[in-house]
Amino acid sequence: MRQFQLFSGSASQYLAEEIATEYGCTLGEVEIQRFSDGEMQPTFKVSTRGNDVYIIQSTLPPADNMMELLLMMDAAKRSSASAVTVVIPYFGYARQDRKDKPRVSIGAKLMANLLVSSGATRVVTMDLHAGQIQGFFDIPVDNLEATSVFIPYMEALALEDLTIASPDMGGVARARTYAKHLKAELVMVDKYRERANQVSSMRLIGDVKDRNVLIVDDIIDTAGTLTKSAEYIMEQGARSVRAAITHPILSGPAYERINASVIDELLVTNTLPLRQKSDKIKVLSIAPIFAEALKKIHHYESVSSLFLV
C-alpha cells in the first residue's frame, strides 16, 4: 500500500493538527514563501514521490486560501505524488451553485474545475450547500455530514417536545434526517429574500407552540436570517430555540446579533475558525469524522458507515 502523507494549508492548520492526532500521524512540513507583492510559493519539505498525499484546507475568504490550496496541489503533482486528495471542510463559493439571475457566474463549478485541473484525484468535504455540487466534479467526492456530531449532542440534552425547523425548502431533507433520528416533529420557515443576506418576509409551515425548537442549516453568515427566524418562532409560541449549523462564517454583525438574540444555544463545528468567543456558541469538533474517513479512503474501505440514514 502507498504511504499516507497529510499536509495542511495555512487556513486550516488548527483543524489539520487535530485530524492528524485523531488519525495517529504527524503533519508533513510545508513552507509557504511569500514575495513582497503577496505572491506565494509552497514547498513540501519532504518527498511525496509515489505517495498518497492528503491536503487539508478550507477555502474561506480571502481568495488567497483557495490559491494556496491550488498551488500546493500543483506542487504535489509535480513532485510525483501518486494521488492528491483535497480535504476541504468548508467548500467556499458553494452558494453560487446555479444561475439564479441573468449574467452571473456559477462559482461552485469554477472552483470544481480549478481543483480538478490542478491535480485533485479526490475531494473530501462536509455539508455542501447544495448536494448537486458533487456532480460538478469528474472525480470522486465524499460529502460528509455534521449530523454525526450534532445528533449525539442533542440526544444527550434529552429535550422534551422537540421540533426540528428547516430554514428553507432546500434544507428540508437535512432537517428530516434530524427529525427521524431525534424522533421529533418537523416544521419549515418559508422566507423571501429580495437580495443576499436580507429577508423581506417569512412564515411558518407547521406548529411550534410549547415546543423546544432546533433550527438546522449548513451555513451561518451574518446571522440576520437565523436570529429573525428564531424571534419569529418564539412569537409563534415556542418554548425555546436552538440552532445547529455546520459552517460558522459569522461575518459582519453576526456575533452581536447572536448575543442579542432569543437563541439559547448555537451549535457549530470547527470547519472554520471562530473570530471571537460567545457564551451562546458551542463548537463541536469534526476532526474524528474526517480522520476516520481518511483512514477508510486510504485503506479502500467504504465510508458509508459515517453517514446517518
C-alpha atoms as a PDB file:
ATOM      1  CA  MET A   1       0.000   0.000   0.000  1.00  0.00           C
ATOM      2  CA  ARG A   2       1.218   3.501  -0.818  1.00  0.00           C
ATOM      3  CA  GLN A   3       2.397   5.717   2.029  1.00  0.00           C
ATOM      4  CA  PHE A   4      -0.128   8.102   3.614  1.00  0.00           C
ATOM      5  CA  GLN A   5       1.017  11.741   3.887  1.00  0.00           C
ATOM      6  CA  LEU A   6      -1.052  14.516   5.467  1.00  0.00           C
ATOM      7  CA  PHE A   7      -0.381  18.220   4.879  1.00  0.00           C
ATOM      8  CA  SER A   8      -2.196  21.433   5.721  1.00  0.00           C
ATOM      9  CA  GLY A   9      -2.653  24.859   4.229  1.00  0.00           C
ATOM     10  CA  SER A  10      -2.402  27.981   6.367  1.00  0.00           C
ATOM     11  CA  ALA A  11      -6.145  28.488   6.876  1.00  0.00           C
ATOM     12  CA  SER A  12      -6.851  25.068   8.432  1.00  0.00           C
ATOM     13  CA  GLN A  13      -3.671  24.371  10.400  1.00  0.00           C
ATOM     14  CA  TYR A  14      -5.594  24.245  13.697  1.00  0.00           C
ATOM     15  CA  LEU A  15      -8.001  21.612  12.352  1.00  0.00           C
ATOM     16  CA  ALA A  16      -5.353  19.632  10.469  1.00  0.00           C
ATOM     17  CA  GLU A  17      -3.347  19.183  13.674  1.00  0.00           C
ATOM     18  CA  GLU A  18      -6.437  17.791  15.400  1.00  0.00           C
ATOM     19  CA  ILE A  19      -7.206  15.464  12.472  1.00  0.00           C
ATOM     20  CA  ALA A  20      -3.592  14.232  12.480  1.00  0.00           C
ATOM     21  CA  THR A  21      -3.828  13.463  16.202  1.00  0.00           C
ATOM     22  CA  GLU A  22      -7.077  11.557  15.684  1.00  0.00           C
ATOM     23  CA  TYR A  23      -5.567   9.661  12.743  1.00  0.00           C
ATOM     24  CA  GLY A  24      -2.394   8.847  14.655  1.00  0.00           C
ATOM     25  CA  CYS A  25       0.045  10.512  12.261  1.00  0.00           C
ATOM     26  CA  THR A  26       2.038  13.722  12.024  1.00  0.00           C
ATOM     27  CA  LEU A  27       1.565  16.595   9.610  1.00  0.00           C
ATOM     28  CA  GLY A  28       4.111  16.869   6.844  1.00  0.00           C
ATOM     29  CA  GLU A  29       6.143  20.078   6.808  1.00  0.00           C
ATOM     30  CA  VAL A  30       5.208  22.693   4.216  1.00  0.00           C
ATOM     31  CA  GLU A  31       6.934  26.034   3.727  1.00  0.00           C
ATOM     32  CA  ILE A  32       4.890  28.882   2.226  1.00  0.00           C
ATOM     33  CA  GLN A  33       7.226  31.508   0.785  1.00  0.00           C
ATOM     34  CA  ARG A  34       5.584  34.886   0.261  1.00  0.00           C
ATOM     35  CA  PHE A  35       7.039  37.516  -2.027  1.00  0.00           C
ATOM     36  CA  SER A  36       6.773  41.209  -1.228  1.00  0.00           C
ATOM     37  CA  ASP A  37       3.813  41.641  -3.598  1.00  0.00           C
ATOM     38  CA  GLY A  38       1.825  38.873  -1.862  1.00  0.00           C
ATOM     39  CA  GLU A  39       2.564  36.109  -4.364  1.00  0.00           C
ATOM     40  CA  MET A  40       3.082  32.755  -2.641  1.00  0.00           C
ATOM     41  CA  GLN A  41       5.056  29.612  -3.403  1.00  0.00           C
ATOM     42  CA  PRO A  42       4.501  26.455  -1.310  1.00  0.00           C
ATOM     43  CA  THR A  43       7.294  23.896  -0.925  1.00  0.00           C
ATOM     44  CA  PHE A  44       6.958  20.394   0.526  1.00  0.00           C
ATOM     45  CA  LYS A  45       9.909  19.795   2.830  1.00  0.00           C
ATOM     46  CA  VAL A  46       9.616  16.007   2.493  1.00  0.00           C
ATOM     47  CA  SER A  47       9.458  13.769  -0.572  1.00  0.00           C
ATOM     48  CA  THR A  48       5.972  12.891  -1.867  1.00  0.00           C
ATOM     49  CA  ARG A  49       7.133  10.647  -4.712  1.00  0.00           C
ATOM     50  CA  GLY A  50       4.799   7.690  -5.184  1.00  0.00           C
ATOM     51  CA  ASN A  51       2.754   8.510  -2.074  1.00  0.00           C
ATOM     52  CA  ASP A  52      -0.907   9.276  -1.394  1.00  0.00           C
ATOM     53  CA  VAL A  53      -0.976  12.954  -0.472  1.00  0.00           C
ATOM     54  CA  TYR A  54      -3.865  14.488   1.509  1.00  0.00           C
ATOM     55  CA  ILE A  55      -4.051  18.289   1.775  1.00  0.00           C
ATOM     56  CA  ILE A  56      -6.390  19.959   4.282  1.00  0.00           C
ATOM     57  CA  GLN A  57      -7.605  23.480   3.544  1.00  0.00           C
ATOM     58  CA  SER A  58     -10.985  25.185   3.884  1.00  0.00           C
ATOM     59  CA  THR A  59     -11.479  27.658   1.049  1.00  0.00           C
ATOM     60  CA  LEU A  60     -12.824  30.527   3.129  1.00  0.00           C
ATOM     61  CA  PRO A  61     -12.160  34.162   2.123  1.00  0.00           C
ATOM     62  CA  PRO A  62      -9.805  35.712   1.164  1.00  0.00           C
ATOM     63  CA  ALA A  63      -9.170  34.098  -2.215  1.00  0.00           C
ATOM     64  CA  ASP A  64      -5.534  33.512  -1.171  1.00  0.00           C
ATOM     65  CA  ASN A  65      -6.693  30.394   0.713  1.00  0.00           C
ATOM     66  CA  MET A  66      -8.011  28.831  -2.479  1.00  0.00           C
ATOM     67  CA  MET A  67      -4.916  29.899  -4.412  1.00  0.00           C
ATOM     68  CA  GLU A  68      -2.642  28.404  -1.749  1.00  0.00           C
ATOM     69  CA  LEU A  69      -4.503  25.095  -1.981  1.00  0.00           C
ATOM     70  CA  LEU A  70      -4.232  25.028  -5.783  1.00  0.00           C
ATOM     71  CA  LEU A  71      -0.508  25.736  -5.642  1.00  0.00           C
ATOM     72  CA  MET A  72       0.039  23.016  -3.029  1.00  0.00           C
ATOM     73  CA  MET A  73      -1.807  20.524  -5.214  1.00  0.00           C
ATOM     74  CA  ASP A  74       0.255  21.511  -8.229  1.00  0.00           C
ATOM     75  CA  ALA A  75       3.460  21.146  -6.201  1.00  0.00           C
ATOM     76  CA  ALA A  76       2.426  17.671  -5.026  1.00  0.00           C
ATOM     77  CA  LYS A  77       1.539  16.570  -8.560  1.00  0.00           C
ATOM     78  CA  ARG A  78       4.836  17.903  -9.950  1.00  0.00           C
ATOM     79  CA  SER A  79       6.664  16.104  -7.121  1.00  0.00           C
ATOM     80  CA  SER A  80       5.356  12.758  -8.451  1.00  0.00           C
ATOM     81  CA  ALA A  81       2.699  12.120  -5.793  1.00  0.00           C
ATOM     82  CA  SER A  82       0.697   9.056  -6.770  1.00  0.00           C
ATOM     83  CA  ALA A  83      -2.648  10.622  -5.771  1.00  0.00           C
ATOM     84  CA  VAL A  84      -3.706  14.002  -4.364  1.00  0.00           C
ATOM     85  CA  THR A  85      -6.817  14.083  -2.170  1.00  0.00           C
ATOM     86  CA  VAL A  86      -8.010  17.544  -1.150  1.00  0.00           C
ATOM     87  CA  VAL A  87      -9.807  17.755   2.186  1.00  0.00           C
ATOM     88  CA  ILE A  88     -11.983  20.880   2.148  1.00  0.00           C
ATOM     89  CA  PRO A  89     -14.024  21.012   5.380  1.00  0.00           C
ATOM     90  CA  TYR A  90     -15.717  24.226   4.193  1.00  0.00           C
ATOM     91  CA  PHE A  91     -16.118  24.475   0.418  1.00  0.00           C
ATOM     92  CA  GLY A  92     -16.157  28.180  -0.452  1.00  0.00           C
ATOM     93  CA  TYR A  93     -18.321  29.602  -3.265  1.00  0.00           C
ATOM     94  CA  ALA A  94     -20.799  26.727  -2.764  1.00  0.00           C
ATOM     95  CA  ARG A  95     -23.671  29.221  -2.561  1.00  0.00           C
ATOM     96  CA  GLN A  96     -23.031  30.050  -6.232  1.00  0.00           C
ATOM     97  CA  ASP A  97     -24.302  26.698  -7.484  1.00  0.00           C
ATOM     98  CA  ARG A  98     -26.653  27.867 -10.281  1.00  0.00           C
ATOM     99  CA  LYS A  99     -27.700  30.866 -12.369  1.00  0.00           C
ATOM    100  CA  ASP A 100     -30.434  32.367 -10.210  1.00  0.00           C
ATOM    101  CA  LYS A 101     -30.462  35.566 -12.267  1.00  0.00           C
ATOM    102  CA  PRO A 102     -29.058  36.661 -15.640  1.00  0.00           C
ATOM    103  CA  ARG A 103     -25.352  37.312 -16.256  1.00  0.00           C
ATOM    104  CA  VAL A 104     -23.901  35.768 -13.086  1.00  0.00           C
ATOM    105  CA  SER A 105     -21.128  33.230 -12.597  1.00  0.00           C
ATOM    106  CA  ILE A 106     -21.550  29.717 -11.237  1.00  0.00           C
ATOM    107  CA  GLY A 107     -18.703  29.972  -8.775  1.00  0.00           C
ATOM    108  CA  ALA A 108     -19.027  26.441  -7.365  1.00  0.00           C
ATOM    109  CA  LYS A 109     -18.498  24.924 -10.819  1.00  0.00           C
ATOM    110  CA  LEU A 110     -15.496  27.177 -11.461  1.00  0.00           C
ATOM    111  CA  MET A 111     -13.929  26.080  -8.145  1.00  0.00           C
ATOM    112  CA  ALA A 112     -14.511  22.425  -9.114  1.00  0.00           C
ATOM    113  CA  ASN A 113     -12.809  22.969 -12.476  1.00  0.00           C
ATOM    114  CA  LEU A 114      -9.817  24.620 -10.821  1.00  0.00           C
ATOM    115  CA  LEU A 115      -9.397  21.810  -8.302  1.00  0.00           C
ATOM    116  CA  VAL A 116      -9.513  19.067 -10.933  1.00  0.00           C
ATOM    117  CA  SER A 117      -7.219  20.979 -13.308  1.00  0.00           C
ATOM    118  CA  SER A 118      -4.696  21.446 -10.504  1.00  0.00           C
ATOM    119  CA  GLY A 119      -4.378  17.711  -9.948  1.00  0.00           C
ATOM    120  CA  ALA A 120      -7.009  16.639  -7.402  1.00  0.00           C
ATOM    121  CA  THR A 121      -7.882  12.942  -7.672  1.00  0.00           C
ATOM    122  CA  ARG A 122     -10.492  13.009  -4.883  1.00  0.00           C
ATOM    123  CA  VAL A 123     -12.340  15.600  -2.786  1.00  0.00           C
ATOM    124  CA  VAL A 124     -13.459  15.147   0.820  1.00  0.00           C
ATOM    125  CA  THR A 125     -15.729  17.864   2.178  1.00  0.00           C
ATOM    126  CA  MET A 126     -18.631  18.377   4.599  1.00  0.00           C
ATOM    127  CA  ASP A 127     -22.229  19.533   4.209  1.00  0.00           C
ATOM    128  CA  LEU A 128     -22.051  21.113   0.771  1.00  0.00           C
ATOM    129  CA  HIS A 129     -24.549  23.944   0.424  1.00  0.00           C
ATOM    130  CA  ALA A 130     -26.158  22.008  -2.421  1.00  0.00           C
ATOM    131  CA  GLY A 131     -25.670  18.270  -2.837  1.00  0.00           C
ATOM    132  CA  GLN A 132     -25.645  18.524  -6.638  1.00  0.00           C
ATOM    133  CA  ILE A 133     -22.249  20.259  -6.448  1.00  0.00           C
ATOM    134  CA  GLN A 134     -20.808  16.743  -6.245  1.00  0.00           C
ATOM    135  CA  GLY A 135     -21.829  16.403  -9.887  1.00  0.00           C
ATOM    136  CA  PHE A 136     -19.648  19.390 -10.821  1.00  0.00           C
ATOM    137  CA  PHE A 137     -16.622  17.118 -10.357  1.00  0.00           C
ATOM    138  CA  ASP A 138     -15.452  14.293 -12.643  1.00  0.00           C
ATOM    139  CA  ILE A 139     -13.607  12.721  -9.705  1.00  0.00           C
ATOM    140  CA  PRO A 140     -14.927  11.036  -6.527  1.00  0.00           C
ATOM    141  CA  VAL A 141     -16.399  13.376  -3.886  1.00  0.00           C
ATOM    142  CA  ASP A 142     -17.146  12.370  -0.281  1.00  0.00           C
ATOM    143  CA  ASN A 143     -19.614  14.827   1.240  1.00  0.00           C
ATOM    144  CA  LEU A 144     -19.502  14.067   4.982  1.00  0.00           C
ATOM    145  CA  GLU A 145     -22.269  15.182   7.339  1.00  0.00           C
ATOM    146  CA  ALA A 146     -22.133  17.066  10.640  1.00  0.00           C
ATOM    147  CA  THR A 147     -25.185  15.133  11.847  1.00  0.00           C
ATOM    148  CA  SER A 148     -22.659  12.681  13.305  1.00  0.00           C
ATOM    149  CA  VAL A 149     -21.709  15.234  15.976  1.00  0.00           C
ATOM    150  CA  PHE A 150     -24.880  17.315  16.309  1.00  0.00           C
ATOM    151  CA  ILE A 151     -27.349  14.466  16.829  1.00  0.00           C
ATOM    152  CA  PRO A 152     -25.437  12.784  19.722  1.00  0.00           C
ATOM    153  CA  TYR A 153     -25.163  16.182  21.430  1.00  0.00           C
ATOM    154  CA  MET A 154     -28.907  16.779  21.122  1.00  0.00           C
ATOM    155  CA  GLU A 155     -29.649  13.243  22.334  1.00  0.00           C
ATOM    156  CA  ALA A 156     -27.580  13.965  25.435  1.00  0.00           C
ATOM    157  CA  LEU A 157     -29.663  17.084  26.136  1.00  0.00           C
ATOM    158  CA  ALA A 158     -32.796  14.908  26.138  1.00  0.00           C
ATOM    159  CA  LEU A 159     -35.135  17.823  25.420  1.00  0.00           C
ATOM    160  CA  GLU A 160     -38.832  17.054  25.598  1.00  0.00           C
ATOM    161  CA  ASP A 161     -41.306  18.182  22.908  1.00  0.00           C
ATOM    162  CA  LEU A 162     -38.515  18.692  20.356  1.00  0.00           C
ATOM    163  CA  THR A 163     -39.269  20.096  16.908  1.00  0.00           C
ATOM    164  CA  ILE A 164     -36.752  20.410  14.066  1.00  0.00           C
ATOM    165  CA  ALA A 165     -37.035  23.515  11.882  1.00  0.00           C
ATOM    166  CA  SER A 166     -35.721  23.861   8.341  1.00  0.00           C
ATOM    167  CA  PRO A 167     -34.900  27.483   7.425  1.00  0.00           C
ATOM    168  CA  ASP A 168     -35.989  26.959   3.791  1.00  0.00           C
ATOM    169  CA  MET A 169     -37.280  24.393   1.311  1.00  0.00           C
ATOM    170  CA  GLY A 170     -33.749  23.378   0.301  1.00  0.00           C
ATOM    171  CA  GLY A 171     -32.923  22.270   3.842  1.00  0.00           C
ATOM    172  CA  VAL A 172     -35.949  20.024   4.381  1.00  0.00           C
ATOM    173  CA  ALA A 173     -34.071  16.806   3.572  1.00  0.00           C
ATOM    174  CA  ARG A 174     -31.382  17.671   6.130  1.00  0.00           C
ATOM    175  CA  ALA A 175     -33.998  18.615   8.740  1.00  0.00           C
ATOM    176  CA  ARG A 176     -35.888  15.370   8.088  1.00  0.00           C
ATOM    177  CA  THR A 177     -32.744  13.385   8.940  1.00  0.00           C
ATOM    178  CA  TYR A 178     -32.529  15.160  12.308  1.00  0.00           C
ATOM    179  CA  ALA A 179     -36.249  14.666  12.945  1.00  0.00           C
ATOM    180  CA  LYS A 180     -36.011  10.954  12.154  1.00  0.00           C
ATOM    181  CA  HIS A 181     -33.072  10.233  14.457  1.00  0.00           C
ATOM    182  CA  LEU A 182     -34.257  12.502  17.281  1.00  0.00           C
ATOM    183  CA  LYS A 183     -37.868  11.306  16.946  1.00  0.00           C
ATOM    184  CA  ALA A 184     -39.010  14.900  16.631  1.00  0.00           C
ATOM    185  CA  GLU A 185     -41.614  16.814  14.659  1.00  0.00           C
ATOM    186  CA  LEU A 186     -40.684  18.864  11.582  1.00  0.00           C
ATOM    187  CA  VAL A 187     -41.580  22.423  10.549  1.00  0.00           C
ATOM    188  CA  MET A 188     -40.287  24.822   7.898  1.00  0.00           C
ATOM    189  CA  VAL A 189     -39.637  28.567   7.892  1.00  0.00           C
ATOM    190  CA  ASP A 190     -40.624  29.914   4.485  1.00  0.00           C
ATOM    191  CA  LYS A 191     -38.744  33.145   3.794  1.00  0.00           C
ATOM    192  CA  TYR A 192     -38.491  35.524   0.861  1.00  0.00           C
ATOM    193  CA  ARG A 193     -35.277  37.408   0.027  1.00  0.00           C
ATOM    194  CA  GLU A 194     -35.037  40.455  -2.200  1.00  0.00           C
ATOM    195  CA  ARG A 195     -31.221  40.258  -2.071  1.00  0.00           C
ATOM    196  CA  ALA A 196     -28.487  38.192  -0.383  1.00  0.00           C
ATOM    197  CA  ASN A 197     -28.402  38.353   3.444  1.00  0.00           C
ATOM    198  CA  GLN A 198     -31.713  40.277   3.571  1.00  0.00           C
ATOM    199  CA  VAL A 199     -35.041  38.597   4.364  1.00  0.00           C
ATOM    200  CA  SER A 200     -38.138  40.575   3.338  1.00  0.00           C
ATOM    201  CA  SER A 201     -40.827  38.293   4.789  1.00  0.00           C
ATOM    202  CA  MET A 202     -41.307  34.893   6.436  1.00  0.00           C
ATOM    203  CA  ARG A 203     -43.983  32.494   7.546  1.00  0.00           C
ATOM    204  CA  LEU A 204     -44.011  29.225   9.470  1.00  0.00           C
ATOM    205  CA  ILE A 205     -45.289  25.980   7.979  1.00  0.00           C
ATOM    206  CA  GLY A 206     -46.150  23.829  10.975  1.00  0.00           C
ATOM    207  CA  ASP A 207     -46.834  24.303  14.693  1.00  0.00           C
ATOM    208  CA  VAL A 208     -44.198  25.155  17.323  1.00  0.00           C
ATOM    209  CA  LYS A 209     -46.423  26.157  20.245  1.00  0.00           C
ATOM    210  CA  ASP A 210     -44.920  24.939  23.558  1.00  0.00           C
ATOM    211  CA  ARG A 211     -42.151  23.136  21.664  1.00  0.00           C
ATOM    212  CA  ASN A 212     -38.363  23.207  22.024  1.00  0.00           C
ATOM    213  CA  VAL A 213     -37.156  24.049  18.519  1.00  0.00           C
ATOM    214  CA  LEU A 214     -33.844  23.207  16.831  1.00  0.00           C
ATOM    215  CA  ILE A 215     -33.089  25.081  13.593  1.00  0.00           C
ATOM    216  CA  VAL A 216     -30.661  23.149  11.364  1.00  0.00           C
ATOM    217  CA  ASP A 217     -28.690  24.567   8.427  1.00  0.00           C
ATOM    218  CA  ASP A 218     -25.326  24.279   6.671  1.00  0.00           C
ATOM    219  CA  ILE A 219     -24.067  27.898   6.735  1.00  0.00           C
ATOM    220  CA  ILE A 220     -24.443  30.883   9.047  1.00  0.00           C
ATOM    221  CA  ASP A 221     -23.050  34.115   7.627  1.00  0.00           C
ATOM    222  CA  THR A 222     -24.305  37.447   9.031  1.00  0.00           C
ATOM    223  CA  ALA A 223     -26.806  35.644  11.323  1.00  0.00           C
ATOM    224  CA  GLY A 224     -29.579  38.007  10.255  1.00  0.00           C
ATOM    225  CA  THR A 225     -31.814  35.272   8.864  1.00  0.00           C
ATOM    226  CA  LEU A 226     -31.201  32.930  11.805  1.00  0.00           C
ATOM    227  CA  THR A 227     -31.914  35.495  14.520  1.00  0.00           C
ATOM    228  CA  LYS A 228     -35.057  36.729  12.739  1.00  0.00           C
ATOM    229  CA  SER A 229     -36.262  33.148  12.279  1.00  0.00           C
ATOM    230  CA  ALA A 230     -35.634  32.391  15.953  1.00  0.00           C
ATOM    231  CA  GLU A 231     -37.522  35.513  17.019  1.00  0.00           C
ATOM    232  CA  TYR A 232     -40.422  34.644  14.717  1.00  0.00           C
ATOM    233  CA  ILE A 233     -40.550  31.079  16.059  1.00  0.00           C
ATOM    234  CA  MET A 234     -40.672  32.363  19.635  1.00  0.00           C
ATOM    235  CA  GLU A 235     -43.515  34.716  18.649  1.00  0.00           C
ATOM    236  CA  GLN A 236     -45.425  31.649  17.444  1.00  0.00           C
ATOM    237  CA  GLY A 237     -45.328  30.203  20.963  1.00  0.00           C
ATOM    238  CA  ALA A 238     -42.137  28.120  21.078  1.00  0.00           C
ATOM    239  CA  ARG A 239     -40.656  27.316  24.483  1.00  0.00           C
ATOM    240  CA  SER A 240     -37.008  27.662  23.353  1.00  0.00           C
ATOM    241  CA  VAL A 241     -34.901  27.925  20.194  1.00  0.00           C
ATOM    242  CA  ARG A 242     -31.519  26.391  19.460  1.00  0.00           C
ATOM    243  CA  ALA A 243     -29.609  26.101  16.191  1.00  0.00           C
ATOM    244  CA  ALA A 244     -27.169  23.553  14.757  1.00  0.00           C
ATOM    245  CA  ILE A 245     -25.240  24.969  11.796  1.00  0.00           C
ATOM    246  CA  THR A 246     -22.168  23.341  10.281  1.00  0.00           C
ATOM    247  CA  HIS A 247     -20.096  26.213   8.890  1.00  0.00           C
ATOM    248  CA  PRO A 248     -19.722  29.318  11.129  1.00  0.00           C
ATOM    249  CA  ILE A 249     -18.732  32.030   8.650  1.00  0.00           C
ATOM    250  CA  LEU A 250     -20.088  34.650  11.107  1.00  0.00           C
ATOM    251  CA  SER A 251     -19.190  37.797   9.193  1.00  0.00           C
ATOM    252  CA  GLY A 252     -20.165  41.427   9.779  1.00  0.00           C
ATOM    253  CA  PRO A 253     -22.503  41.915  12.781  1.00  0.00           C
ATOM    254  CA  ALA A 254     -23.065  38.171  13.301  1.00  0.00           C
ATOM    255  CA  TYR A 255     -21.676  37.918  16.832  1.00  0.00           C
ATOM    256  CA  GLU A 256     -23.575  40.975  18.043  1.00  0.00           C
ATOM    257  CA  ARG A 257     -26.808  39.618  16.572  1.00  0.00           C
ATOM    258  CA  ILE A 258     -26.344  36.184  18.144  1.00  0.00           C
ATOM    259  CA  ASN A 259     -25.511  37.591  21.581  1.00  0.00           C
ATOM    260  CA  ALA A 260     -28.608  39.819  21.480  1.00  0.00           C
ATOM    261  CA  SER A 261     -30.919  37.122  20.081  1.00  0.00           C
ATOM    262  CA  VAL A 262     -33.507  34.826  21.701  1.00  0.00           C
ATOM    263  CA  ILE A 263     -31.401  31.787  20.739  1.00  0.00           C
ATOM    264  CA  ASP A 264     -30.459  29.703  23.771  1.00  0.00           C
ATOM    265  CA  GLU A 265     -27.528  27.947  22.099  1.00  0.00           C
ATOM    266  CA  LEU A 266     -25.830  27.939  18.698  1.00  0.00           C
ATOM    267  CA  LEU A 267     -24.035  24.696  17.849  1.00  0.00           C
ATOM    268  CA  VAL A 268     -21.356  24.905  15.160  1.00  0.00           C
ATOM    269  CA  THR A 269     -18.406  22.802  14.012  1.00  0.00           C
ATOM    270  CA  ASN A 270     -14.747  23.761  13.633  1.00  0.00           C
ATOM    271  CA  THR A 271     -14.684  23.607   9.818  1.00  0.00           C
ATOM    272  CA  LEU A 272     -13.956  27.334  10.148  1.00  0.00           C
ATOM    273  CA  PRO A 273     -12.180  29.156  12.993  1.00  0.00           C
ATOM    274  CA  LEU A 274     -14.257  31.496  15.174  1.00  0.00           C
ATOM    275  CA  ARG A 275     -13.183  35.145  15.157  1.00  0.00           C
ATOM    276  CA  GLN A 276     -14.307  35.639  18.757  1.00  0.00           C
ATOM    277  CA  LYS A 277     -15.912  33.721  21.617  1.00  0.00           C
ATOM    278  CA  SER A 278     -19.528  33.867  22.675  1.00  0.00           C
ATOM    279  CA  ASP A 279     -21.333  32.287  25.627  1.00  0.00           C
ATOM    280  CA  LYS A 280     -24.106  31.260  23.226  1.00  0.00           C
ATOM    281  CA  ILE A 281     -21.842  29.462  20.739  1.00  0.00           C
ATOM    282  CA  LYS A 282     -20.650  25.894  21.328  1.00  0.00           C
ATOM    283  CA  VAL A 283     -18.102  24.367  18.941  1.00  0.00           C
ATOM    284  CA  LEU A 284     -18.186  20.616  18.267  1.00  0.00           C
ATOM    285  CA  SER A 285     -15.136  19.087  16.588  1.00  0.00           C
ATOM    286  CA  ILE A 286     -15.495  17.199  13.322  1.00  0.00           C
ATOM    287  CA  ALA A 287     -11.836  16.064  13.368  1.00  0.00           C
ATOM    288  CA  PRO A 288     -12.722  12.466  14.377  1.00  0.00           C
ATOM    289  CA  ILE A 289     -15.123  12.167  11.414  1.00  0.00           C
ATOM    290  CA  PHE A 290     -12.522  13.378   8.907  1.00  0.00           C
ATOM    291  CA  ALA A 291      -9.786  11.211  10.451  1.00  0.00           C
ATOM    292  CA  GLU A 292     -11.972   8.115  10.175  1.00  0.00           C
ATOM    293  CA  ALA A 293     -12.971   8.999   6.612  1.00  0.00           C
ATOM    294  CA  LEU A 294      -9.338   9.401   5.550  1.00  0.00           C
ATOM    295  CA  LYS A 295      -8.425   6.047   7.113  1.00  0.00           C
ATOM    296  CA  LYS A 296     -11.205   4.308   5.227  1.00  0.00           C
ATOM    297  CA  ILE A 297     -10.342   6.030   1.943  1.00  0.00           C
ATOM    298  CA  HIS A 298      -6.651   5.193   2.244  1.00  0.00           C
ATOM    299  CA  HIS A 299      -7.420   1.538   3.005  1.00  0.00           C
ATOM    300  CA  TYR A 300     -10.025   1.289   0.216  1.00  0.00           C
ATOM    301  CA  GLU A 301     -12.900   0.770   2.661  1.00  0.00           C
ATOM    302  CA  SER A 302     -16.453   2.062   2.397  1.00  0.00           C
ATOM    303  CA  VAL A 303     -17.209   5.388   4.108  1.00  0.00           C
ATOM    304  CA  SER A 304     -20.976   4.753   4.161  1.00  0.00           C
ATOM    305  CA  SER A 305     -20.847   3.835   7.861  1.00  0.00           C
ATOM    306  CA  LEU A 306     -20.075   7.507   8.604  1.00  0.00           C
ATOM    307  CA  PHE A 307     -23.468   8.626   7.276  1.00  0.00           C
ATOM    308  CA  LEU A 308     -26.753   8.595   9.192  1.00  0.00           C
ATOM    309  CA  VAL A 309     -29.604   7.352   7.007  1.00  0.00           C
END
